[in-house]
Amino acid sequence: MIRSSSAAPLNYGEALGAESPKDFIHKNGIVLKELKESRVCFKLLKHINYGEDKARIKLLEECEELIKIIATRIKNAKLKMNSK
C-alpha cells in the first residue's frame, strides 16, 4: 500500500518533466497503474474491515478521482499528439 500510493506522486513529478509527448504519456501511464494498484489495496482493506470506515472511504474516493484525472490527461495528450 505504501509503495503504490507513494509511487504515484513521485512518478507524476517525473511526468511533469517529460522530454516528449510520448514520454509524458508513458510516465502518466505508470502513474495510472500505481493508482489502480492503490485502489485495489483500499478495496482489500475494506474487505478485511481494516481501519476507520470514513477515512478509508474518503481515501478510495480520492484515489478514484485521481485515476479519472490521470486517465483524462493521457487521453488528451494522445489526441493532441495524434492531431499534429
N, C-alpha and C. Protein backbone atom coordinates (compact mmCIF):
# COMPACT_ATOMS: atom_id res chain seq x y z
N MET A 1 0.82 -1.19 0.00
CA MET A 1 0.00 0.00 0.00
C MET A 1 0.87 1.26 0.00
N ILE A 2 1.85 1.28 0.85
CA ILE A 2 2.72 2.45 0.92
C ILE A 2 3.49 2.62 -0.37
N ARG A 3 3.97 1.52 -0.94
CA ARG A 3 4.76 1.61 -2.17
C ARG A 3 3.92 2.16 -3.32
N SER A 4 2.74 1.61 -3.54
CA SER A 4 1.94 2.06 -4.69
C SER A 4 1.41 3.48 -4.47
N SER A 5 0.99 3.78 -3.25
CA SER A 5 0.42 5.11 -3.02
C SER A 5 1.49 6.21 -3.02
N SER A 6 2.71 5.86 -2.66
CA SER A 6 3.77 6.88 -2.71
C SER A 6 4.43 6.95 -4.08
N ALA A 7 4.32 5.89 -4.87
CA ALA A 7 4.92 5.88 -6.20
C ALA A 7 4.17 6.80 -7.17
N ALA A 8 2.85 6.89 -7.01
CA ALA A 8 2.05 7.70 -7.94
C ALA A 8 2.51 9.16 -7.99
N PRO A 9 2.61 9.85 -6.85
CA PRO A 9 3.04 11.26 -6.94
C PRO A 9 4.48 11.43 -7.39
N LEU A 10 5.34 10.49 -7.03
CA LEU A 10 6.73 10.58 -7.48
C LEU A 10 6.82 10.42 -8.99
N ASN A 11 6.08 9.47 -9.54
CA ASN A 11 6.07 9.29 -10.99
C ASN A 11 5.38 10.45 -11.69
N TYR A 12 4.40 11.06 -11.05
CA TYR A 12 3.75 12.23 -11.64
C TYR A 12 4.77 13.37 -11.78
N GLY A 13 5.60 13.52 -10.78
CA GLY A 13 6.67 14.52 -10.86
C GLY A 13 7.58 14.25 -12.04
N GLU A 14 7.88 12.98 -12.28
CA GLU A 14 8.69 12.60 -13.45
C GLU A 14 7.95 12.97 -14.73
N ALA A 15 6.65 12.72 -14.77
CA ALA A 15 5.86 13.01 -15.97
C ALA A 15 5.86 14.50 -16.29
N LEU A 16 5.84 15.33 -15.26
CA LEU A 16 5.85 16.78 -15.48
C LEU A 16 7.14 17.23 -16.16
N GLY A 17 8.21 16.46 -15.97
CA GLY A 17 9.48 16.79 -16.61
C GLY A 17 9.76 15.95 -17.84
N ALA A 18 8.71 15.39 -18.43
CA ALA A 18 8.88 14.52 -19.60
C ALA A 18 9.57 15.26 -20.74
N GLU A 19 10.35 14.50 -21.50
CA GLU A 19 11.14 15.09 -22.58
C GLU A 19 10.39 15.16 -23.90
N SER A 20 9.26 14.47 -23.98
CA SER A 20 8.47 14.49 -25.21
C SER A 20 7.03 14.11 -24.86
N PRO A 21 6.10 14.37 -25.77
CA PRO A 21 4.72 13.95 -25.52
C PRO A 21 4.59 12.44 -25.29
N LYS A 22 5.36 11.68 -26.05
CA LYS A 22 5.32 10.22 -25.89
C LYS A 22 5.82 9.82 -24.50
N ASP A 23 6.87 10.47 -24.03
CA ASP A 23 7.41 10.21 -22.69
C ASP A 23 6.40 10.62 -21.62
N PHE A 24 5.71 11.74 -21.82
CA PHE A 24 4.67 12.21 -20.91
C PHE A 24 3.56 11.18 -20.77
N ILE A 25 3.13 10.65 -21.89
CA ILE A 25 2.07 9.64 -21.90
C ILE A 25 2.54 8.37 -21.18
N HIS A 26 3.75 7.94 -21.48
CA HIS A 26 4.29 6.74 -20.85
C HIS A 26 4.39 6.90 -19.34
N LYS A 27 4.93 8.01 -18.89
CA LYS A 27 5.12 8.22 -17.45
C LYS A 27 3.79 8.37 -16.72
N ASN A 28 2.82 9.00 -17.36
CA ASN A 28 1.50 9.08 -16.75
C ASN A 28 0.81 7.72 -16.75
N GLY A 29 1.15 6.88 -17.71
CA GLY A 29 0.64 5.51 -17.70
C GLY A 29 1.12 4.75 -16.47
N ILE A 30 2.35 5.00 -16.08
CA ILE A 30 2.89 4.39 -14.85
C ILE A 30 2.14 4.93 -13.64
N VAL A 31 1.88 6.22 -13.63
CA VAL A 31 1.11 6.83 -12.53
C VAL A 31 -0.25 6.15 -12.43
N LEU A 32 -0.90 5.96 -13.57
CA LEU A 32 -2.22 5.33 -13.60
C LEU A 32 -2.17 3.91 -13.05
N LYS A 33 -1.15 3.15 -13.42
CA LYS A 33 -1.00 1.79 -12.90
C LYS A 33 -0.84 1.79 -11.38
N GLU A 34 -0.05 2.70 -10.86
CA GLU A 34 0.16 2.78 -9.41
C GLU A 34 -1.12 3.18 -8.69
N LEU A 35 -1.88 4.10 -9.26
CA LEU A 35 -3.15 4.49 -8.65
C LEU A 35 -4.14 3.34 -8.65
N LYS A 36 -4.17 2.57 -9.73
CA LYS A 36 -5.07 1.41 -9.79
C LYS A 36 -4.65 0.35 -8.77
N GLU A 37 -3.36 0.20 -8.58
CA GLU A 37 -2.88 -0.73 -7.56
C GLU A 37 -3.30 -0.25 -6.17
N SER A 38 -3.21 1.04 -5.93
CA SER A 38 -3.64 1.61 -4.65
C SER A 38 -5.14 1.37 -4.44
N ARG A 39 -5.91 1.52 -5.52
CA ARG A 39 -7.36 1.28 -5.43
C ARG A 39 -7.66 -0.14 -4.98
N VAL A 40 -6.92 -1.09 -5.53
CA VAL A 40 -7.10 -2.48 -5.12
C VAL A 40 -6.77 -2.65 -3.64
N CYS A 41 -5.71 -2.00 -3.19
CA CYS A 41 -5.34 -2.06 -1.76
C CYS A 41 -6.45 -1.51 -0.88
N PHE A 42 -7.03 -0.39 -1.27
CA PHE A 42 -8.13 0.18 -0.49
C PHE A 42 -9.33 -0.77 -0.45
N LYS A 43 -9.60 -1.42 -1.56
CA LYS A 43 -10.71 -2.37 -1.59
C LYS A 43 -10.42 -3.59 -0.71
N LEU A 44 -9.18 -4.02 -0.69
CA LEU A 44 -8.79 -5.13 0.19
C LEU A 44 -8.95 -4.72 1.66
N LEU A 45 -8.55 -3.50 1.99
CA LEU A 45 -8.72 -3.02 3.36
C LEU A 45 -10.19 -2.99 3.75
N LYS A 46 -11.04 -2.63 2.81
CA LYS A 46 -12.48 -2.64 3.07
C LYS A 46 -12.95 -4.07 3.31
N HIS A 47 -12.49 -4.97 2.48
CA HIS A 47 -12.90 -6.38 2.59
C HIS A 47 -12.55 -6.98 3.94
N ILE A 48 -11.39 -6.62 4.48
CA ILE A 48 -10.99 -7.17 5.78
C ILE A 48 -11.39 -6.25 6.93
N ASN A 49 -12.12 -5.17 6.59
CA ASN A 49 -12.62 -4.22 7.58
C ASN A 49 -11.49 -3.64 8.42
N TYR A 50 -10.45 -3.20 7.73
CA TYR A 50 -9.28 -2.63 8.41
C TYR A 50 -9.37 -1.11 8.39
N GLY A 51 -9.19 -0.49 9.52
CA GLY A 51 -9.19 0.96 9.60
C GLY A 51 -10.58 1.55 9.77
N GLU A 52 -10.59 2.84 9.91
CA GLU A 52 -11.85 3.58 10.10
C GLU A 52 -12.59 3.68 8.76
N ASP A 53 -13.84 3.30 8.77
CA ASP A 53 -14.64 3.30 7.54
C ASP A 53 -14.63 4.64 6.83
N LYS A 54 -14.88 5.71 7.56
CA LYS A 54 -14.99 7.04 6.97
C LYS A 54 -13.69 7.45 6.26
N ALA A 55 -12.57 7.21 6.92
CA ALA A 55 -11.27 7.57 6.34
C ALA A 55 -10.96 6.71 5.12
N ARG A 56 -11.24 5.43 5.23
CA ARG A 56 -10.97 4.51 4.13
C ARG A 56 -11.81 4.86 2.90
N ILE A 57 -13.07 5.18 3.12
CA ILE A 57 -13.97 5.55 2.02
C ILE A 57 -13.48 6.83 1.35
N LYS A 58 -13.07 7.81 2.16
CA LYS A 58 -12.57 9.09 1.62
C LYS A 58 -11.32 8.86 0.77
N LEU A 59 -10.42 8.03 1.27
CA LEU A 59 -9.19 7.75 0.52
C LEU A 59 -9.49 7.03 -0.80
N LEU A 60 -10.42 6.10 -0.77
CA LEU A 60 -10.80 5.40 -2.01
C LEU A 60 -11.43 6.38 -3.00
N GLU A 61 -12.27 7.28 -2.52
CA GLU A 61 -12.88 8.28 -3.40
C GLU A 61 -11.81 9.18 -4.03
N GLU A 62 -10.84 9.60 -3.22
CA GLU A 62 -9.74 10.43 -3.74
C GLU A 62 -8.95 9.68 -4.80
N CYS A 63 -8.70 8.41 -4.54
CA CYS A 63 -7.96 7.59 -5.50
C CYS A 63 -8.73 7.48 -6.81
N GLU A 64 -10.04 7.27 -6.73
CA GLU A 64 -10.88 7.18 -7.93
C GLU A 64 -10.82 8.49 -8.73
N GLU A 65 -10.87 9.62 -8.04
CA GLU A 65 -10.79 10.92 -8.71
C GLU A 65 -9.45 11.10 -9.41
N LEU A 66 -8.38 10.72 -8.73
CA LEU A 66 -7.05 10.83 -9.34
C LEU A 66 -6.93 9.93 -10.58
N ILE A 67 -7.51 8.74 -10.51
CA ILE A 67 -7.50 7.84 -11.67
C ILE A 67 -8.19 8.51 -12.85
N LYS A 68 -9.33 9.13 -12.60
CA LYS A 68 -10.06 9.81 -13.68
C LYS A 68 -9.25 10.97 -14.26
N ILE A 69 -8.61 11.73 -13.39
CA ILE A 69 -7.82 12.88 -13.84
C ILE A 69 -6.64 12.43 -14.70
N ILE A 70 -5.90 11.44 -14.24
CA ILE A 70 -4.72 10.97 -14.99
C ILE A 70 -5.15 10.31 -16.29
N ALA A 71 -6.23 9.53 -16.26
CA ALA A 71 -6.71 8.90 -17.50
C ALA A 71 -7.10 9.96 -18.52
N THR A 72 -7.72 11.03 -18.08
CA THR A 72 -8.10 12.13 -18.97
C THR A 72 -6.86 12.83 -19.52
N ARG A 73 -5.87 13.03 -18.67
CA ARG A 73 -4.62 13.68 -19.14
C ARG A 73 -3.95 12.84 -20.22
N ILE A 74 -3.94 11.52 -20.02
CA ILE A 74 -3.34 10.62 -21.02
C ILE A 74 -4.14 10.69 -22.32
N LYS A 75 -5.45 10.62 -22.21
CA LYS A 75 -6.32 10.66 -23.39
C LYS A 75 -6.11 11.96 -24.17
N ASN A 76 -6.09 13.08 -23.45
CA ASN A 76 -5.91 14.38 -24.11
C ASN A 76 -4.53 14.51 -24.75
N ALA A 77 -3.51 13.99 -24.07
CA ALA A 77 -2.15 14.04 -24.63
C ALA A 77 -2.06 13.20 -25.91
N LYS A 78 -2.72 12.05 -25.93
CA LYS A 78 -2.73 11.19 -27.11
C LYS A 78 -3.44 11.89 -28.27
N LEU A 79 -4.59 12.51 -27.97
CA LEU A 79 -5.33 13.23 -29.00
C LEU A 79 -4.49 14.37 -29.58
N LYS A 80 -3.83 15.11 -28.69
CA LYS A 80 -3.01 16.22 -29.13
C LYS A 80 -1.84 15.74 -29.96
N MET A 81 -1.22 14.64 -29.54
CA MET A 81 -0.07 14.10 -30.26
C MET A 81 -0.48 13.58 -31.64
N ASN A 82 -1.66 12.96 -31.73
CA ASN A 82 -2.13 12.41 -32.99
C ASN A 82 -2.68 13.45 -33.95
N SER A 83 -3.01 14.64 -33.43
CA SER A 83 -3.56 15.68 -34.30
C SER A 83 -2.48 16.50 -34.98
N LYS A 84 -1.23 16.28 -34.59
CA LYS A 84 -0.12 17.05 -35.19
C LYS A 84 0.35 16.43 -36.47
